[in-house]
C-alpha atoms as a PDB file:
ATOM      1  CA  UNK A   1       0.000   0.000   0.000  1.00  0.00           C
ATOM      2  CA  UNK A   2       1.118   3.593  -0.482  1.00  0.00           C
ATOM      3  CA  UNK A   3       1.299   6.428   1.996  1.00  0.00           C
ATOM      4  CA  UNK A   4      -2.118   7.998   2.528  1.00  0.00           C
ATOM      5  CA  UNK A   5      -2.045  11.452   4.141  1.00  0.00           C
ATOM      6  CA  UNK A   6      -5.796  12.123   3.864  1.00  0.00           C
ATOM      7  CA  UNK A   7      -7.229  13.022   7.297  1.00  0.00           C
ATOM      8  CA  UNK A   8     -10.188  10.718   6.625  1.00  0.00           C
ATOM      9  CA  UNK A   9      -7.757   7.798   6.343  1.00  0.00           C
ATOM     10  CA  UNK A  10      -6.369   8.548   9.808  1.00  0.00           C
ATOM     11  CA  UNK A  11      -9.646   9.473  11.556  1.00  0.00           C
ATOM     12  CA  UNK A  12     -12.663   7.436  10.445  1.00  0.00           C
ATOM     13  CA  UNK A  13     -15.583   9.672   9.533  1.00  0.00           C
ATOM     14  CA  UNK A  14     -13.503  12.867   9.375  1.00  0.00           C
ATOM     15  CA  UNK A  15     -14.980  15.484   7.079  1.00  0.00           C
ATOM     16  CA  UNK A  16     -14.324  19.125   6.315  1.00  0.00           C
ATOM     17  CA  UNK A  17     -15.796  22.037   4.426  1.00  0.00           C
ATOM     18  CA  UNK A  18     -15.042  25.753   4.216  1.00  0.00           C
ATOM     19  CA  UNK A  19     -16.609  26.350   7.649  1.00  0.00           C
ATOM     20  CA  UNK A  20     -14.904  23.707   9.756  1.00  0.00           C
ATOM     21  CA  UNK A  21     -13.983  20.113  10.380  1.00  0.00           C
ATOM     22  CA  UNK A  22     -16.020  17.274  11.854  1.00  0.00           C
ATOM     23  CA  UNK A  23     -14.616  14.321  13.766  1.00  0.00           C
ATOM     24  CA  UNK A  24     -17.289  11.874  14.935  1.00  0.00           C
ATOM     25  CA  UNK A  25     -17.211  10.615  18.507  1.00  0.00           C
ATOM     26  CA  UNK A  26     -16.777   7.092  17.175  1.00  0.00           C
ATOM     27  CA  UNK A  27     -13.321   8.116  15.890  1.00  0.00           C
ATOM     28  CA  UNK A  28     -12.190   9.165  19.379  1.00  0.00           C
ATOM     29  CA  UNK A  29     -11.825   6.169  21.684  1.00  0.00           C
ATOM     30  CA  UNK A  30     -13.274   6.482  25.169  1.00  0.00           C
ATOM     31  CA  UNK A  31     -14.788   9.928  24.639  1.00  0.00           C
ATOM     32  CA  UNK A  32     -18.451  10.388  25.509  1.00  0.00           C
ATOM     33  CA  UNK A  33     -20.809  13.027  24.147  1.00  0.00           C
ATOM     34  CA  UNK A  34     -20.945  14.661  27.601  1.00  0.00           C
ATOM     35  CA  UNK A  35     -17.136  14.854  27.772  1.00  0.00           C
ATOM     36  CA  UNK A  36     -16.996  16.358  24.260  1.00  0.00           C
ATOM     37  CA  UNK A  37     -19.796  18.872  24.870  1.00  0.00           C
ATOM     38  CA  UNK A  38     -18.675  22.307  23.650  1.00  0.00           C
ATOM     39  CA  UNK A  39     -19.897  24.096  26.789  1.00  0.00           C
ATOM     40  CA  UNK A  40     -19.757  21.617  29.663  1.00  0.00           C
ATOM     41  CA  UNK A  41     -17.240  19.055  28.404  1.00  0.00           C
ATOM     42  CA  UNK A  42     -13.625  18.509  29.435  1.00  0.00           C
ATOM     43  CA  UNK A  43     -10.901  19.593  26.977  1.00  0.00           C
ATOM     44  CA  UNK A  44      -8.407  17.248  28.664  1.00  0.00           C
ATOM     45  CA  UNK A  45     -10.543  14.260  27.719  1.00  0.00           C
ATOM     46  CA  UNK A  46     -10.993  15.545  24.163  1.00  0.00           C
ATOM     47  CA  UNK A  47      -7.237  16.095  23.771  1.00  0.00           C
ATOM     48  CA  UNK A  48      -6.395  12.665  25.208  1.00  0.00           C
ATOM     49  CA  UNK A  49      -8.873  10.927  22.907  1.00  0.00           C
ATOM     50  CA  UNK A  50      -7.564  12.785  19.856  1.00  0.00           C
ATOM     51  CA  UNK A  51      -3.954  11.927  20.726  1.00  0.00           C
ATOM     52  CA  UNK A  52      -4.897   8.281  21.324  1.00  0.00           C
ATOM     53  CA  UNK A  53      -6.771   8.058  18.009  1.00  0.00           C
ATOM     54  CA  UNK A  54      -3.925   9.578  16.002  1.00  0.00           C
ATOM     55  CA  UNK A  55      -1.328   7.406  17.742  1.00  0.00           C
ATOM     56  CA  UNK A  56      -3.390   4.256  17.095  1.00  0.00           C
ATOM     57  CA  UNK A  57      -3.789   5.168  13.420  1.00  0.00           C
ATOM     58  CA  UNK A  58      -0.048   5.876  13.152  1.00  0.00           C
ATOM     59  CA  UNK A  59       1.082   2.564  14.638  1.00  0.00           C
ATOM     60  CA  UNK A  60      -1.470   0.618  12.598  1.00  0.00           C
ATOM     61  CA  UNK A  61       0.023   1.960   9.355  1.00  0.00           C
ATOM     62  CA  UNK A  62       2.617  -0.296   7.789  1.00  0.00           C
ATOM     63  CA  UNK A  63       6.027   1.156   8.636  1.00  0.00           C
ATOM     64  CA  UNK A  64       6.770   1.727   4.946  1.00  0.00           C
ATOM     65  CA  UNK A  65       3.546   3.746   4.567  1.00  0.00           C
ATOM     66  CA  UNK A  66       4.070   6.079   7.535  1.00  0.00           C
ATOM     67  CA  UNK A  67       5.032   9.684   6.824  1.00  0.00           C
ATOM     68  CA  UNK A  68       8.772  10.221   7.187  1.00  0.00           C
ATOM     69  CA  UNK A  69       8.266  13.802   8.331  1.00  0.00           C
ATOM     70  CA  UNK A  70       5.709  13.064  11.032  1.00  0.00           C
ATOM     71  CA  UNK A  71       6.018  10.680  13.954  1.00  0.00           C
ATOM     72  CA  UNK A  72       3.583  10.018  16.798  1.00  0.00           C
ATOM     73  CA  UNK A  73       4.783   8.100  19.832  1.00  0.00           C
ATOM     74  CA  UNK A  74       3.436   7.185  23.230  1.00  0.00           C
ATOM     75  CA  UNK A  75       5.133   6.361  26.514  1.00  0.00           C
ATOM     76  CA  UNK A  76       3.300   4.825  29.439  1.00  0.00           C
ATOM     77  CA  UNK A  77       4.352   4.650  33.058  1.00  0.00           C
ATOM     78  CA  UNK A  78       2.543   3.019  35.958  1.00  0.00           C
ATOM     79  CA  UNK A  79       2.813   4.127  39.569  1.00  0.00           C
ATOM     80  CA  UNK A  80       1.731   1.086  41.532  1.00  0.00           C
ATOM     81  CA  UNK A  81       1.774   2.981  44.845  1.00  0.00           C
ATOM     82  CA  UNK A  82      -0.997   5.303  43.619  1.00  0.00           C
ATOM     83  CA  UNK A  83      -2.532   2.872  41.111  1.00  0.00           C
ATOM     84  CA  UNK A  84      -2.237   5.485  38.365  1.00  0.00           C
ATOM     85  CA  UNK A  85      -1.049   5.403  34.785  1.00  0.00           C
ATOM     86  CA  UNK A  86       0.546   8.299  32.927  1.00  0.00           C
ATOM     87  CA  UNK A  87       0.542   8.435  29.133  1.00  0.00           C
ATOM     88  CA  UNK A  88       2.766  10.845  27.265  1.00  0.00           C
ATOM     89  CA  UNK A  89       2.002  11.371  23.580  1.00  0.00           C
ATOM     90  CA  UNK A  90       4.630  13.041  21.450  1.00  0.00           C
ATOM     91  CA  UNK A  91       4.200  14.300  17.898  1.00  0.00           C
ATOM     92  CA  UNK A  92       7.200  15.279  15.779  1.00  0.00           C
ATOM     93  CA  UNK A  93       6.835  17.221  12.539  1.00  0.00           C
ATOM     94  CA  UNK A  94       9.549  18.382  10.179  1.00  0.00           C
ATOM     95  CA  UNK A  95       8.626  21.934   9.203  1.00  0.00           C
ATOM     96  CA  UNK A  96      10.081  24.615   6.947  1.00  0.00           C
ATOM     97  CA  UNK A  97      11.489  27.274   9.263  1.00  0.00           C
ATOM     98  CA  UNK A  98      10.225  30.349   7.432  1.00  0.00           C
ATOM     99  CA  UNK A  99       6.571  29.351   7.266  1.00  0.00           C
ATOM    100  CA  UNK A 100       6.230  26.730  10.011  1.00  0.00           C
ATOM    101  CA  UNK A 101       4.675  24.655   7.245  1.00  0.00           C
ATOM    102  CA  UNK A 102       4.946  20.864   7.269  1.00  0.00           C
ATOM    103  CA  UNK A 103       7.565  19.822   4.711  1.00  0.00           C
ATOM    104  CA  UNK A 104       6.359  17.761   1.722  1.00  0.00           C
ATOM    105  CA  UNK A 105       7.069  14.037   1.841  1.00  0.00           C
ATOM    106  CA  UNK A 106       9.826  12.808  -0.483  1.00  0.00           C
ATOM    107  CA  UNK A 107       8.576  11.320  -3.738  1.00  0.00           C
ATOM    108  CA  UNK A 108       8.990   7.576  -4.070  1.00  0.00           C
END
């Protein structure tokens, strides 16, 4: 398969028009409608779900089909004394300095 950079490939149900983007709740694991509510929701839960969804999509891509100029990783640590887990998501993008624009992928 070839590299597919379309947002809809990475987030199932993603759509966009000139007014905005739409990401369905089903594309964001573990996020409820109440947590995503624009007024009374919790941005931390939205951000975590978005990071988790993008990381999952990234690691499920065949290594040869992943973008070379974007990487998404996750580290997990468990503190058994407090029974808590910490997840750290990291995204790396190669950008052109002048514009802060993501650099085009090399042609195959």
